[in-house]
N, C-alpha and C. Protein backbone atom coordinates (compact mmCIF):
# COMPACT_ATOMS: atom_id res chain seq x y z
N MET A 1 -1.75 53.78 -7.44
CA MET A 1 -2.60 54.94 -7.67
C MET A 1 -2.16 55.65 -8.95
N ALA A 2 -3.11 56.02 -9.76
CA ALA A 2 -2.83 56.67 -11.04
C ALA A 2 -2.40 58.12 -10.82
N VAL A 3 -1.47 58.56 -11.62
CA VAL A 3 -1.01 59.95 -11.56
C VAL A 3 -2.09 60.85 -12.13
N LEU A 4 -2.72 60.41 -13.22
CA LEU A 4 -3.80 61.18 -13.84
C LEU A 4 -5.12 60.47 -13.57
N ASN A 5 -6.03 61.17 -12.91
CA ASN A 5 -7.34 60.57 -12.65
C ASN A 5 -8.15 60.53 -13.95
N ASN A 6 -9.33 59.96 -13.89
CA ASN A 6 -10.14 59.80 -15.11
C ASN A 6 -10.48 61.12 -15.77
N ALA A 7 -10.75 62.16 -14.98
CA ALA A 7 -11.10 63.46 -15.55
C ALA A 7 -9.91 64.07 -16.30
N ARG A 8 -8.73 63.96 -15.70
CA ARG A 8 -7.53 64.50 -16.38
C ARG A 8 -7.22 63.69 -17.64
N TRP A 9 -7.40 62.39 -17.54
CA TRP A 9 -7.15 61.56 -18.71
C TRP A 9 -8.17 61.87 -19.81
N ALA A 10 -9.42 62.07 -19.45
CA ALA A 10 -10.44 62.42 -20.45
C ALA A 10 -10.09 63.74 -21.13
N PHE A 11 -9.60 64.70 -20.35
CA PHE A 11 -9.17 65.97 -20.94
C PHE A 11 -8.02 65.73 -21.92
N LEU A 12 -7.05 64.96 -21.50
CA LEU A 12 -5.90 64.67 -22.36
C LEU A 12 -6.35 63.97 -23.64
N LEU A 13 -7.29 63.06 -23.53
CA LEU A 13 -7.82 62.38 -24.73
C LEU A 13 -8.58 63.34 -25.63
N SER A 14 -9.22 64.35 -25.04
CA SER A 14 -9.99 65.29 -25.86
C SER A 14 -9.08 66.17 -26.72
N ILE A 15 -7.90 66.49 -26.22
CA ILE A 15 -6.98 67.33 -27.00
C ILE A 15 -5.93 66.49 -27.73
N GLY A 16 -5.82 65.22 -27.36
CA GLY A 16 -4.80 64.35 -27.94
C GLY A 16 -4.78 64.30 -29.45
N PRO A 17 -5.91 64.12 -30.12
CA PRO A 17 -5.89 64.05 -31.58
C PRO A 17 -5.42 65.34 -32.26
N VAL A 18 -5.53 66.47 -31.59
CA VAL A 18 -5.01 67.71 -32.15
C VAL A 18 -3.48 67.71 -32.06
N LEU A 19 -2.96 67.19 -30.95
CA LEU A 19 -1.52 67.16 -30.74
C LEU A 19 -0.86 66.00 -31.49
N VAL A 20 -1.52 64.86 -31.53
CA VAL A 20 -1.00 63.66 -32.19
C VAL A 20 -2.12 63.13 -33.09
N PRO A 21 -2.21 63.61 -34.33
CA PRO A 21 -3.33 63.24 -35.20
C PRO A 21 -3.55 61.74 -35.35
N GLN A 22 -2.51 60.94 -35.20
CA GLN A 22 -2.63 59.49 -35.33
C GLN A 22 -3.54 58.88 -34.26
N MET A 23 -3.80 59.63 -33.18
CA MET A 23 -4.67 59.12 -32.11
C MET A 23 -6.08 58.85 -32.60
N ILE A 24 -6.49 59.51 -33.65
CA ILE A 24 -7.84 59.31 -34.20
C ILE A 24 -8.04 57.86 -34.62
N LYS A 25 -6.97 57.21 -35.07
CA LYS A 25 -7.05 55.84 -35.60
C LYS A 25 -6.99 54.77 -34.51
N LEU A 26 -6.76 55.16 -33.27
CA LEU A 26 -6.60 54.17 -32.20
C LEU A 26 -7.94 53.58 -31.77
N ASP A 27 -7.93 52.28 -31.50
CA ASP A 27 -9.13 51.65 -30.96
C ASP A 27 -9.07 51.70 -29.43
N THR A 28 -10.10 51.17 -28.78
CA THR A 28 -10.20 51.24 -27.33
C THR A 28 -9.02 50.58 -26.63
N GLU A 29 -8.62 49.43 -27.13
CA GLU A 29 -7.50 48.72 -26.54
C GLU A 29 -6.20 49.53 -26.65
N GLN A 30 -6.01 50.17 -27.80
CA GLN A 30 -4.80 50.98 -28.01
C GLN A 30 -4.81 52.24 -27.15
N ILE A 31 -5.99 52.81 -26.95
CA ILE A 31 -6.11 53.97 -26.05
C ILE A 31 -5.76 53.54 -24.62
N THR A 32 -6.24 52.38 -24.22
CA THR A 32 -5.91 51.85 -22.89
C THR A 32 -4.41 51.65 -22.74
N GLU A 33 -3.78 51.13 -23.77
CA GLU A 33 -2.33 50.92 -23.74
C GLU A 33 -1.59 52.26 -23.73
N THR A 34 -2.11 53.23 -24.45
CA THR A 34 -1.51 54.57 -24.43
C THR A 34 -1.53 55.12 -23.01
N ARG A 35 -2.66 54.96 -22.35
CA ARG A 35 -2.76 55.44 -20.96
C ARG A 35 -1.77 54.71 -20.06
N ARG A 36 -1.64 53.40 -20.24
CA ARG A 36 -0.72 52.63 -19.41
C ARG A 36 0.72 53.12 -19.61
N ILE A 37 1.10 53.37 -20.84
CA ILE A 37 2.46 53.84 -21.13
C ILE A 37 2.70 55.21 -20.51
N VAL A 38 1.74 56.11 -20.67
CA VAL A 38 1.87 57.46 -20.10
C VAL A 38 1.92 57.39 -18.58
N GLU A 39 1.02 56.60 -17.99
CA GLU A 39 0.99 56.47 -16.53
C GLU A 39 2.30 55.89 -16.00
N ASN A 40 2.84 54.87 -16.67
CA ASN A 40 4.10 54.29 -16.24
C ASN A 40 5.23 55.31 -16.29
N ALA A 41 5.25 56.11 -17.33
CA ALA A 41 6.29 57.14 -17.44
C ALA A 41 6.15 58.18 -16.34
N LEU A 42 4.92 58.59 -16.06
CA LEU A 42 4.70 59.59 -15.01
C LEU A 42 4.97 59.02 -13.62
N ALA A 43 4.65 57.76 -13.43
CA ALA A 43 4.85 57.13 -12.12
C ALA A 43 6.33 57.07 -11.74
N LYS A 44 7.20 57.08 -12.73
CA LYS A 44 8.65 57.03 -12.48
C LYS A 44 9.22 58.40 -12.12
N GLN A 45 8.42 59.43 -12.26
CA GLN A 45 8.86 60.79 -11.98
C GLN A 45 8.69 61.11 -10.49
N PRO A 46 9.47 62.07 -9.99
CA PRO A 46 9.28 62.48 -8.60
C PRO A 46 7.87 63.04 -8.38
N VAL A 47 7.40 62.95 -7.17
CA VAL A 47 6.05 63.42 -6.83
C VAL A 47 5.88 64.89 -7.22
N LYS A 48 6.91 65.68 -7.04
CA LYS A 48 6.83 67.10 -7.38
C LYS A 48 6.53 67.28 -8.88
N ARG A 49 7.20 66.51 -9.73
CA ARG A 49 6.97 66.61 -11.18
C ARG A 49 5.57 66.12 -11.53
N GLN A 50 5.09 65.09 -10.85
CA GLN A 50 3.73 64.61 -11.09
C GLN A 50 2.72 65.72 -10.79
N ARG A 51 2.93 66.43 -9.68
CA ARG A 51 2.04 67.56 -9.33
C ARG A 51 2.12 68.64 -10.39
N GLN A 52 3.33 68.90 -10.90
CA GLN A 52 3.50 69.92 -11.92
C GLN A 52 2.73 69.56 -13.19
N VAL A 53 2.76 68.29 -13.57
CA VAL A 53 2.02 67.85 -14.75
C VAL A 53 0.52 68.04 -14.54
N ARG A 54 0.04 67.66 -13.37
CA ARG A 54 -1.39 67.83 -13.08
C ARG A 54 -1.78 69.31 -13.09
N LEU A 55 -0.93 70.15 -12.52
CA LEU A 55 -1.20 71.59 -12.51
C LEU A 55 -1.20 72.15 -13.93
N LEU A 56 -0.22 71.74 -14.73
CA LEU A 56 -0.16 72.22 -16.11
C LEU A 56 -1.41 71.82 -16.88
N LEU A 57 -1.87 70.60 -16.71
CA LEU A 57 -3.09 70.17 -17.40
C LEU A 57 -4.28 71.02 -16.96
N ALA A 58 -4.35 71.34 -15.68
CA ALA A 58 -5.45 72.18 -15.18
C ALA A 58 -5.38 73.58 -15.80
N VAL A 59 -4.19 74.15 -15.86
CA VAL A 59 -4.02 75.49 -16.46
C VAL A 59 -4.38 75.44 -17.94
N MET A 60 -3.88 74.43 -18.63
CA MET A 60 -4.19 74.31 -20.06
C MET A 60 -5.70 74.20 -20.28
N ARG A 61 -6.35 73.46 -19.41
CA ARG A 61 -7.79 73.25 -19.56
C ARG A 61 -8.60 74.52 -19.27
N TRP A 62 -8.26 75.20 -18.19
CA TRP A 62 -9.12 76.28 -17.71
C TRP A 62 -8.71 77.67 -18.17
N LEU A 63 -7.50 77.88 -18.65
CA LEU A 63 -7.08 79.21 -19.11
C LEU A 63 -8.01 79.79 -20.18
N PRO A 64 -8.47 79.00 -21.15
CA PRO A 64 -9.38 79.55 -22.16
C PRO A 64 -10.71 80.06 -21.58
N LEU A 65 -11.05 79.64 -20.37
CA LEU A 65 -12.28 80.11 -19.74
C LEU A 65 -12.28 81.63 -19.60
N ILE A 66 -11.12 82.19 -19.34
CA ILE A 66 -10.99 83.65 -19.17
C ILE A 66 -11.35 84.38 -20.46
N PHE A 67 -10.94 83.82 -21.59
CA PHE A 67 -11.11 84.51 -22.87
C PHE A 67 -12.34 84.07 -23.65
N PHE A 68 -12.72 82.80 -23.51
CA PHE A 68 -13.78 82.25 -24.35
C PHE A 68 -14.97 81.72 -23.56
N LEU A 69 -14.91 81.82 -22.23
CA LEU A 69 -15.98 81.37 -21.34
C LEU A 69 -16.26 79.87 -21.43
N ARG A 70 -15.24 79.11 -21.84
CA ARG A 70 -15.35 77.66 -21.92
C ARG A 70 -13.98 77.05 -21.65
N PRO A 71 -13.98 75.86 -21.06
CA PRO A 71 -12.69 75.16 -20.94
C PRO A 71 -12.23 74.70 -22.33
N LEU A 72 -10.97 74.39 -22.43
CA LEU A 72 -10.36 74.08 -23.72
C LEU A 72 -11.09 73.00 -24.50
N GLU A 73 -11.47 71.91 -23.82
CA GLU A 73 -12.08 70.79 -24.55
C GLU A 73 -13.48 71.09 -25.08
N LEU A 74 -14.10 72.18 -24.62
CA LEU A 74 -15.43 72.54 -25.10
C LEU A 74 -15.41 73.63 -26.17
N LEU A 75 -14.23 74.06 -26.54
CA LEU A 75 -14.11 75.05 -27.61
C LEU A 75 -14.33 74.38 -28.96
N PRO A 76 -14.80 75.16 -29.95
CA PRO A 76 -14.87 74.59 -31.30
C PRO A 76 -13.47 74.12 -31.74
N LYS A 77 -13.43 73.13 -32.59
CA LYS A 77 -12.15 72.52 -32.98
C LYS A 77 -11.13 73.55 -33.45
N LYS A 78 -11.52 74.46 -34.30
CA LYS A 78 -10.58 75.45 -34.85
C LYS A 78 -10.01 76.32 -33.73
N ARG A 79 -10.86 76.74 -32.80
CA ARG A 79 -10.41 77.58 -31.68
C ARG A 79 -9.48 76.78 -30.76
N CYS A 80 -9.83 75.51 -30.52
CA CYS A 80 -8.98 74.64 -29.71
C CYS A 80 -7.59 74.52 -30.33
N GLU A 81 -7.55 74.32 -31.64
CA GLU A 81 -6.27 74.24 -32.34
C GLU A 81 -5.47 75.54 -32.18
N GLN A 82 -6.15 76.68 -32.26
CA GLN A 82 -5.47 77.97 -32.10
C GLN A 82 -4.89 78.11 -30.69
N VAL A 83 -5.66 77.72 -29.69
CA VAL A 83 -5.17 77.82 -28.31
C VAL A 83 -3.98 76.89 -28.10
N LEU A 84 -4.08 75.68 -28.61
CA LEU A 84 -2.96 74.74 -28.46
C LEU A 84 -1.72 75.23 -29.20
N HIS A 85 -1.92 75.86 -30.34
CA HIS A 85 -0.79 76.45 -31.07
C HIS A 85 -0.15 77.56 -30.24
N TYR A 86 -0.98 78.34 -29.57
CA TYR A 86 -0.45 79.39 -28.69
C TYR A 86 0.35 78.76 -27.55
N TYR A 87 -0.18 77.71 -26.94
CA TYR A 87 0.54 77.02 -25.86
C TYR A 87 1.89 76.50 -26.36
N GLU A 88 1.87 75.96 -27.55
CA GLU A 88 3.08 75.37 -28.13
C GLU A 88 4.18 76.42 -28.30
N ASN A 89 3.79 77.64 -28.54
CA ASN A 89 4.74 78.73 -28.79
C ASN A 89 4.65 79.81 -27.71
N ALA A 90 4.18 79.46 -26.55
CA ALA A 90 3.94 80.43 -25.47
C ALA A 90 5.19 81.25 -25.17
N PRO A 91 5.02 82.52 -24.85
CA PRO A 91 6.18 83.36 -24.53
C PRO A 91 6.87 82.95 -23.23
N LEU A 92 6.15 82.31 -22.33
CA LEU A 92 6.73 81.86 -21.08
C LEU A 92 7.38 80.48 -21.30
N GLN A 93 8.70 80.44 -21.23
CA GLN A 93 9.41 79.20 -21.56
C GLN A 93 8.99 78.03 -20.68
N LEU A 94 8.75 78.27 -19.42
CA LEU A 94 8.37 77.19 -18.52
C LEU A 94 7.06 76.53 -18.98
N PHE A 95 6.11 77.35 -19.40
CA PHE A 95 4.84 76.83 -19.90
C PHE A 95 5.05 76.07 -21.20
N ARG A 96 5.83 76.65 -22.09
CA ARG A 96 6.12 76.03 -23.39
C ARG A 96 6.81 74.67 -23.20
N THR A 97 7.76 74.63 -22.28
CA THR A 97 8.47 73.38 -22.00
C THR A 97 7.51 72.32 -21.45
N GLY A 98 6.64 72.73 -20.55
CA GLY A 98 5.65 71.80 -20.00
C GLY A 98 4.71 71.29 -21.07
N PHE A 99 4.29 72.17 -21.95
CA PHE A 99 3.40 71.76 -23.04
C PHE A 99 4.07 70.70 -23.90
N TRP A 100 5.33 70.93 -24.24
CA TRP A 100 6.05 69.97 -25.07
C TRP A 100 6.26 68.66 -24.31
N GLY A 101 6.36 68.72 -23.00
CA GLY A 101 6.44 67.51 -22.20
C GLY A 101 5.17 66.69 -22.32
N ILE A 102 4.02 67.36 -22.25
CA ILE A 102 2.72 66.69 -22.40
C ILE A 102 2.61 66.07 -23.79
N LYS A 103 2.99 66.83 -24.78
CA LYS A 103 2.94 66.35 -26.15
C LYS A 103 3.85 65.13 -26.34
N THR A 104 5.02 65.19 -25.74
CA THR A 104 5.96 64.07 -25.82
C THR A 104 5.40 62.82 -25.15
N LEU A 105 4.74 62.99 -24.01
CA LEU A 105 4.11 61.85 -23.34
C LEU A 105 3.08 61.18 -24.26
N LEU A 106 2.29 62.00 -24.94
CA LEU A 106 1.29 61.43 -25.85
C LEU A 106 1.96 60.72 -27.02
N PHE A 107 3.00 61.32 -27.58
CA PHE A 107 3.72 60.66 -28.67
C PHE A 107 4.27 59.31 -28.20
N MET A 108 4.86 59.30 -27.00
CA MET A 108 5.40 58.07 -26.45
C MET A 108 4.30 57.03 -26.26
N GLY A 109 3.15 57.47 -25.75
CA GLY A 109 2.05 56.55 -25.53
C GLY A 109 1.52 55.94 -26.81
N VAL A 110 1.48 56.72 -27.87
CA VAL A 110 0.96 56.23 -29.15
C VAL A 110 2.02 55.40 -29.88
N PHE A 111 3.17 56.00 -30.12
CA PHE A 111 4.20 55.34 -30.93
C PHE A 111 5.01 54.32 -30.14
N GLY A 112 4.81 54.26 -28.82
CA GLY A 112 5.48 53.27 -28.00
C GLY A 112 4.85 51.89 -28.11
N GLN A 113 3.77 51.80 -28.82
CA GLN A 113 3.09 50.51 -29.03
C GLN A 113 3.54 49.95 -30.39
N ALA A 114 4.17 48.81 -30.35
CA ALA A 114 4.73 48.24 -31.58
C ALA A 114 3.68 48.09 -32.68
N ALA A 115 2.50 47.59 -32.32
CA ALA A 115 1.45 47.37 -33.32
C ALA A 115 0.99 48.68 -33.93
N VAL A 116 0.85 49.71 -33.11
CA VAL A 116 0.41 51.02 -33.60
C VAL A 116 1.49 51.63 -34.48
N ALA A 117 2.71 51.62 -33.99
CA ALA A 117 3.82 52.21 -34.74
C ALA A 117 3.94 51.54 -36.11
N ASP A 118 3.84 50.23 -36.14
CA ASP A 118 3.96 49.50 -37.40
C ASP A 118 2.81 49.84 -38.34
N SER A 119 1.58 49.89 -37.80
CA SER A 119 0.42 50.19 -38.64
C SER A 119 0.46 51.60 -39.21
N LEU A 120 1.16 52.50 -38.52
CA LEU A 120 1.28 53.88 -38.99
C LEU A 120 2.52 54.09 -39.85
N GLY A 121 3.31 53.03 -39.99
CA GLY A 121 4.50 53.15 -40.81
C GLY A 121 5.68 53.76 -40.08
N TYR A 122 5.63 53.81 -38.75
CA TYR A 122 6.73 54.35 -37.96
C TYR A 122 7.71 53.23 -37.68
N ARG A 123 8.90 53.36 -38.23
CA ARG A 123 9.92 52.33 -38.04
C ARG A 123 11.21 53.01 -37.59
N PRO A 124 11.37 53.12 -36.27
CA PRO A 124 12.56 53.81 -35.76
C PRO A 124 13.82 53.01 -36.06
N GLN A 125 14.91 53.74 -36.23
CA GLN A 125 16.21 53.09 -36.41
C GLN A 125 16.95 53.20 -35.09
N PHE A 126 17.17 52.07 -34.47
CA PHE A 126 17.80 52.06 -33.15
C PHE A 126 19.32 52.18 -33.23
N ASP A 127 19.87 52.12 -34.42
CA ASP A 127 21.31 52.28 -34.57
C ASP A 127 21.65 53.63 -35.23
N GLY A 128 20.75 54.57 -35.14
CA GLY A 128 20.93 55.87 -35.78
C GLY A 128 22.16 56.63 -35.32
N ASN A 129 22.57 56.42 -34.07
CA ASN A 129 23.75 57.13 -33.58
C ASN A 129 25.03 56.69 -34.27
N LYS A 130 25.05 55.50 -34.84
CA LYS A 130 26.24 55.04 -35.55
C LYS A 130 26.56 55.99 -36.69
N LYS A 131 25.55 56.55 -37.30
CA LYS A 131 25.76 57.46 -38.42
C LYS A 131 26.35 58.79 -37.94
N LEU A 132 26.17 59.09 -36.68
CA LEU A 132 26.66 60.36 -36.13
C LEU A 132 28.09 60.27 -35.61
N LEU A 133 28.55 59.05 -35.34
CA LEU A 133 29.88 58.89 -34.80
C LEU A 133 30.93 59.09 -35.89
N PRO A 134 32.05 59.69 -35.52
CA PRO A 134 33.10 59.90 -36.52
C PRO A 134 33.67 58.56 -37.01
N ILE A 135 34.05 58.53 -38.23
CA ILE A 135 34.62 57.33 -38.81
C ILE A 135 36.06 57.20 -38.34
N SER A 136 36.39 56.02 -37.88
CA SER A 136 37.75 55.81 -37.41
C SER A 136 38.70 55.64 -38.59
N PRO A 137 39.99 55.93 -38.42
CA PRO A 137 40.95 55.82 -39.54
C PRO A 137 41.05 54.41 -40.09
N ASP A 138 40.67 53.40 -39.28
CA ASP A 138 40.77 52.02 -39.73
C ASP A 138 39.72 51.67 -40.78
N GLU A 139 38.68 52.46 -40.88
CA GLU A 139 37.58 52.12 -41.78
C GLU A 139 37.75 52.73 -43.14
C-alpha cells in the first residue's frame, strides 16, 4: 500500500518544480521513478511518521484557503512561491522541519536517479568525508 495516495502525490507534483526546479525537465518515466524512491523512503518510516507526512501535506495544501480562498496548488505561481517561501522559513520550528523533510524527499527522488543526476550535472563525491578527517602524522 502506498504511503501517499494519488491525490497527495498529485499535490506534491504540483509544488515540486517550485521546490526542486530540475523537476520541470523530468519525463514521465523519471517522475514515476521519483515517486518510487519517495514511496520507498516513506515506507521505511514508522506508521506515526507516515501519518505526520500526510498531515503536513494536507496542512500545506489547505492553509492558503484561509487567506486566499484557494488551496496551494491553485494559487498563481508567484503567490504559490511566496507561500512556500513562508513555509520554508515558518516561525514554528516543527512546521519548518517538516517542510524541509518534504523538500528533502523530493530532492532524493530526483537526484537519486543516476540518469537524472548525470543529465543535470550532479556528481556527488562519495569520499568527501576523507577531506574532513584530520591528517595523521604519518602522512
